[in-house]
Protein backbone atom coordinates (compact mmCIF):
# COMPACT_ATOMS: atom_id res chain seq x y z
CA MET A 1 0.00 0.00 0.00
CA TRP A 2 2.94 2.28 0.65
CA ARG A 3 4.33 1.57 -2.82
CA GLN A 4 0.95 2.26 -4.43
CA GLY A 5 0.70 5.66 -2.75
CA TYR A 6 -2.34 4.96 -0.57
CA LEU A 7 -0.69 6.19 2.63
CA ARG A 8 -0.99 9.95 3.00
CA GLY A 9 -0.55 12.47 5.77
CA ARG A 10 -0.77 11.32 9.36
CA VAL A 11 -1.06 7.52 9.52
CA LEU A 12 -2.47 5.30 12.29
CA ASP A 13 -1.92 1.55 12.43
CA PHE A 14 -4.98 0.40 14.41
CA GLY A 15 -4.23 -2.99 15.98
CA CYS A 16 -0.51 -2.71 15.29
CA GLY A 17 0.63 -5.61 17.47
CA LEU A 18 4.33 -5.21 18.23
CA GLY A 19 4.53 -2.19 15.93
CA VAL A 20 6.70 -3.63 13.15
CA ASP A 21 4.68 -1.91 10.41
CA VAL A 22 4.80 1.39 12.31
CA GLN A 23 8.59 1.26 12.40
CA PHE A 24 8.65 0.51 8.67
CA LEU A 25 6.42 3.49 7.89
CA LYS A 26 8.55 5.77 10.05
CA SER A 27 11.63 4.60 8.16
CA LYS A 28 9.92 5.87 5.00
CA ASN A 29 9.53 9.32 6.60
CA LEU A 30 5.81 8.95 7.23
CA GLU A 31 4.22 10.36 10.38
CA ALA A 32 3.00 7.03 11.75
CA VAL A 33 1.40 6.12 15.08
CA GLY A 34 0.49 2.68 16.39
CA TYR A 35 -2.36 1.58 18.62
CA ASP A 36 -2.89 -1.88 20.07
CA PRO A 37 -5.07 -2.65 23.12
CA TYR A 38 -2.37 -4.97 24.49
CA TYR A 39 1.04 -3.70 23.34
CA PHE A 40 0.36 0.02 22.79
CA PRO A 41 -2.83 0.78 24.79
CA GLU A 42 -2.43 4.56 24.96
CA ARG A 43 -5.39 6.10 23.18
CA PRO A 44 -4.40 7.83 19.89
CA GLN A 45 -4.67 11.60 20.01
CA GLY A 46 -6.16 13.72 17.26
CA LYS A 47 -7.45 12.69 13.84
CA PHE A 48 -5.67 10.85 11.04
CA ASP A 49 -5.52 11.15 7.25
CA THR A 50 -4.95 7.41 6.79
CA ILE A 51 -5.81 4.52 9.09
CA LEU A 52 -4.68 0.93 8.58
CA CYS A 53 -6.55 -1.94 10.23
CA LEU A 54 -4.79 -5.07 9.00
CA TYR A 55 -6.07 -8.57 9.78
CA VAL A 56 -7.80 -7.38 12.95
CA LEU A 57 -11.47 -8.05 12.21
CA ASN A 58 -11.02 -11.75 11.42
CA VAL A 59 -10.17 -12.57 15.04
CA LEU A 60 -13.07 -10.67 16.63
CA LEU A 61 -16.69 -11.48 17.42
CA PRO A 62 -19.36 -9.42 15.58
CA GLU A 63 -19.95 -6.87 18.36
CA GLU A 64 -16.20 -6.41 18.79
CA GLN A 65 -15.90 -5.86 15.04
CA ALA A 66 -18.55 -3.13 15.25
CA HIS A 67 -16.61 -1.33 17.98
CA VAL A 68 -13.42 -1.43 15.90
CA LEU A 69 -15.23 0.02 12.87
CA MET A 70 -16.71 2.77 15.04
CA ALA A 71 -13.37 3.56 16.69
CA VAL A 72 -11.67 3.85 13.29
CA SER A 73 -14.39 6.17 11.97
CA GLU A 74 -14.02 8.39 15.04
CA LEU A 75 -10.26 8.74 14.53
CA LEU A 76 -10.45 9.47 10.80
CA LYS A 77 -10.44 13.00 9.41
CA PRO A 78 -13.59 13.91 7.41
CA GLU A 79 -11.81 13.48 4.07
CA GLY A 80 -9.46 10.71 5.22
CA ARG A 81 -9.31 7.07 4.15
CA ALA A 82 -9.10 3.86 6.17
CA TYR A 83 -8.04 0.47 4.85
CA PHE A 84 -9.24 -2.82 6.27
CA SER A 85 -7.51 -6.03 5.22
CA VAL A 86 -9.30 -9.31 5.94
CA ARG A 87 -8.30 -12.89 5.30
CA ARG A 88 -10.02 -14.74 2.47
CA ASP A 89 -8.50 -18.18 3.15
CA ILE A 90 -10.70 -18.94 6.18
CA ARG A 91 -13.12 -21.71 5.30
CA HIS A 92 -15.04 -22.02 8.59
CA ASP A 93 -15.68 -19.72 11.53
CA GLY A 94 -14.38 -21.02 14.85
CA PHE A 95 -11.26 -21.82 16.81
CA ARG A 96 -8.00 -23.22 15.47
CA THR A 97 -4.52 -23.82 16.86
CA HIS A 98 -2.10 -21.03 16.00
CA LEU A 99 0.82 -22.58 14.09
CA LYS A 100 3.48 -20.43 15.78
CA HIS A 101 2.19 -19.89 19.31
CA ARG A 102 0.30 -23.20 19.68
CA VAL A 103 -2.73 -21.61 21.34
CA GLU A 104 -6.41 -21.67 20.40
CA VAL A 105 -7.42 -18.57 18.45
CA TYR A 106 -10.80 -17.52 17.05
CA GLN A 107 -11.11 -16.71 13.35
CA CYS A 108 -14.08 -15.83 11.18
CA GLN A 109 -14.89 -14.71 7.68
CA VAL A 110 -15.56 -10.99 7.28
CA LYS A 111 -17.31 -9.09 4.50
CA LEU A 112 -17.64 -5.32 4.59
CA PRO A 113 -19.96 -2.98 2.65
CA PHE A 114 -17.07 -0.75 1.60
CA ARG A 115 -15.24 -0.44 -1.73
CA SER A 116 -12.92 -3.37 -2.41
CA ILE A 117 -9.59 -2.24 -3.88
CA PHE A 118 -7.82 -5.62 -3.92
CA CYS A 119 -8.91 -9.24 -3.64
CA SER A 120 -7.02 -12.52 -3.95
CA GLU A 121 -7.49 -16.06 -2.65
CA SER A 122 -5.89 -15.09 0.66
CA VAL A 123 -6.73 -11.42 1.32
CA GLU A 124 -9.16 -8.64 0.50
CA ILE A 125 -8.57 -4.95 1.16
CA TYR A 126 -11.43 -2.49 1.63
CA GLU A 127 -11.23 1.28 1.40
CA TYR A 128 -13.46 3.19 3.82
CA CYS A 129 -14.43 6.85 4.00
CA HIS A 130 -17.09 8.58 6.07
CA TYR A 131 -20.65 7.86 4.96
CA ASN A 132 -21.41 11.54 4.45
CA GLN A 133 -18.38 11.94 2.17
CA ILE A 134 -19.51 9.49 -0.52
CA GLN A 135 -22.08 9.84 -3.27
CA ASN A 136 -25.19 7.95 -2.23
CA SER A 137 -28.35 7.35 -4.26
CA PRO A 138 -30.21 10.62 -4.98
CA SER A 139 -33.39 9.53 -3.19
CA GLY A 140 -34.12 12.93 -1.67
CA CYS A 141 -33.87 11.50 1.86
CA VAL A 142 -31.60 13.63 4.04
CA PHE A 143 -30.51 10.57 6.01
CA CYS A 144 -29.69 8.48 2.92
CA SER A 145 -27.45 11.29 1.66
CA PRO A 146 -26.27 13.18 4.75
CA ASP A 147 -24.62 16.57 4.36
CA ALA A 148 -20.84 16.36 3.94
CA GLU A 149 -20.44 19.40 6.19
CA ARG A 150 -22.14 17.72 9.15
CA GLU A 151 -19.91 16.17 11.81
CA LEU A 152 -20.07 12.39 11.73
CA LEU A 153 -19.77 11.16 15.32
CA THR A 154 -19.27 7.48 14.54
CA GLU A 155 -20.08 4.83 11.94
CA SER A 156 -20.38 1.05 11.67
CA ALA A 157 -21.10 -1.24 8.72
CA SER A 158 -24.86 -0.60 8.89
CA ALA A 159 -25.41 2.66 10.80
CA TYR A 160 -23.98 6.09 11.54
CA ALA A 161 -24.45 8.90 14.05
CA ILE A 162 -24.47 12.67 13.60
CA LEU A 163 -25.37 15.71 15.68
CA ASP A 164 -28.95 16.89 15.19
CA LYS A 165 -29.28 19.89 12.87
CA TYR A 166 -31.84 21.47 15.21
CA PRO A 167 -30.67 20.32 18.66
CA VAL A 168 -32.96 20.24 21.66
CA SER A 169 -29.89 20.45 23.89
CA LEU A 170 -26.11 20.63 23.61
CA GLY A 171 -24.92 17.36 22.08
CA HIS A 172 -28.31 16.18 20.76
CA ALA A 173 -27.37 13.27 18.47
CA LEU A 174 -29.09 10.91 16.03
CA VAL A 175 -28.28 7.25 15.38
CA ILE A 176 -29.42 6.29 11.87
CA PRO A 177 -29.46 3.02 9.92
CA LYS A 178 -28.00 3.29 6.43
CA LYS A 179 -30.86 1.24 4.98
CA HIS A 180 -33.90 3.37 4.17
CA ILE A 181 -36.73 2.09 6.40
CA SER A 182 -39.34 4.43 7.86
CA ASN A 183 -40.71 2.31 10.72
CA TYR A 184 -38.42 1.18 13.52
CA PHE A 185 -40.51 -1.94 14.05
CA ASP A 186 -39.87 -3.05 10.46
CA LEU A 187 -36.14 -3.34 11.12
CA SER A 188 -34.61 -6.79 11.41
CA SER A 189 -33.46 -7.91 14.84
CA HIS A 190 -29.87 -7.70 13.59
CA SER A 191 -30.37 -4.07 12.50
CA ARG A 192 -32.00 -3.13 15.80
CA THR A 193 -29.12 -4.67 17.74
CA ALA A 194 -26.60 -2.75 15.63
CA LEU A 195 -28.42 0.52 16.36
CA TRP A 196 -28.46 0.01 20.11
CA ILE A 197 -24.78 -0.95 20.17
CA MET A 198 -24.16 2.42 18.53
CA VAL A 199 -26.52 4.23 20.91
CA GLU A 200 -24.41 3.05 23.84
CA ARG A 201 -21.21 4.17 22.14
CA VAL A 202 -22.64 7.59 21.23
CA LYS A 203 -23.78 8.02 24.82
CA TRP A 204 -20.16 7.40 25.90
CA LEU A 205 -18.84 9.88 23.30
CA LEU A 206 -21.28 12.56 24.45
CA GLU A 207 -20.35 12.00 28.09
CA GLU A 208 -16.69 12.54 27.24
CA ARG A 209 -17.35 15.71 25.25
CA TYR A 210 -20.21 17.41 27.10
CA ALA A 211 -20.45 15.76 30.56
CA PRO A 212 -24.28 15.84 30.73
CA ASP A 213 -26.20 14.93 33.87
CA GLY A 214 -28.65 12.57 32.16
CA PHE A 215 -30.19 11.49 28.85
CA ASN A 216 -33.51 11.10 27.08
CA VAL A 217 -33.30 8.36 24.44
CA GLY A 218 -36.07 7.39 22.03
CA PHE A 219 -37.61 7.46 18.57
CA ASN A 220 -40.82 8.53 16.83
CA VAL A 221 -42.92 6.13 14.73
CA GLY A 222 -45.50 7.67 12.41
CA GLU A 223 -46.73 11.21 11.84
CA ALA A 224 -49.10 10.98 14.80
CA ALA A 225 -46.07 10.49 17.04
CA GLY A 226 -44.21 13.41 15.46
CA GLN A 227 -41.98 11.57 12.98
CA SER A 228 -41.02 14.20 10.39
CA ILE A 229 -38.50 12.22 8.30
CA PRO A 230 -39.60 8.77 7.02
CA HIS A 231 -36.26 7.17 7.85
CA VAL A 232 -35.63 5.52 11.23
CA HIS A 233 -33.53 7.59 13.61
CA ILE A 234 -32.97 7.33 17.36
CA HIS A 235 -32.61 10.54 19.36
CA ILE A 236 -30.01 10.75 22.12
CA ILE A 237 -30.69 13.96 24.00
CA PRO A 238 -28.25 14.97 26.75
CA ARG A 239 -29.89 16.57 29.77
CA TYR A 240 -28.37 19.06 32.16
CA LYS A 241 -29.36 20.11 35.65
CA GLY A 242 -31.46 23.24 35.38
CA ASP A 243 -32.24 22.90 31.66
CA VAL A 244 -35.95 22.88 32.60
CA GLU A 245 -37.67 24.02 35.77
CA ASN A 246 -38.94 20.56 36.71
CA PRO A 247 -37.64 17.53 34.77
CA LYS A 248 -39.91 15.05 36.55
CA GLY A 249 -41.83 12.92 34.06
CA GLY A 250 -39.09 12.98 31.42
CA ILE A 251 -40.34 11.52 28.15
CA ARG A 252 -43.97 11.80 29.30
CA HIS A 253 -43.76 15.49 28.40
CA VAL A 254 -44.13 14.61 24.69
CA ILE A 255 -47.82 15.19 25.43
CA PRO A 256 -48.10 18.59 27.14
CA GLY A 257 -49.48 18.44 30.65
CA LYS A 258 -48.94 14.68 31.02
CA GLY A 259 -45.46 14.85 32.48
CA ASN A 260 -46.56 15.48 36.05
CA TYR A 261 -48.16 12.69 38.02
CA PRO A 262 -48.55 11.83 41.73
């Protein structure tokens, strides 16, 4: 990838292991940083132009894979590129004995919805950029083709999160599936699970940035419930002490006068 000119600007090797590739990149006068939860656990600082995630996803369970994809999206600059390499010579998901270390390791097949730039019998490399930086189908839906100028908080294979254009409070965020479906209850169980995994991560991101005192989390289904865009989206609304005179009742206040009860 270095020879082909894919590596530009500030480079992060996400899941770098012992850091051999990082040392190689530095020897080529690239500004390279390594992160590995075991060997180099210090959290990377700032954003990166290029992120490499090489042979990491194949050894993770699905929810762990989602967290890696989200972490990479959060560390990438808006116009940056990330590259995920995955093994293509795995025939069955499960555990096998590592040839070198003689320990049981988990491996699984991985397919990503990103652009494939190389594929052979043993490896495939995907190129990723932020969802709001690519040309999506001109459907007219603001969530199918989000504004490139909007800050993307995080992204997984099937969903993304942005700050609300008309926030109720500081840090008001939306978690949105990429697939255009208007009714939350029409989502598959897999899609719903993916959304709530992201909700929890966005909640953590908002806590780090804004330090709210609480949250209202929910979604609207149908015009009668106030849904204004026919594309599923979950609201995560940070709450702060003193933002209303009496917060008792919380979400019950969607119907005026019904928030207070004995």
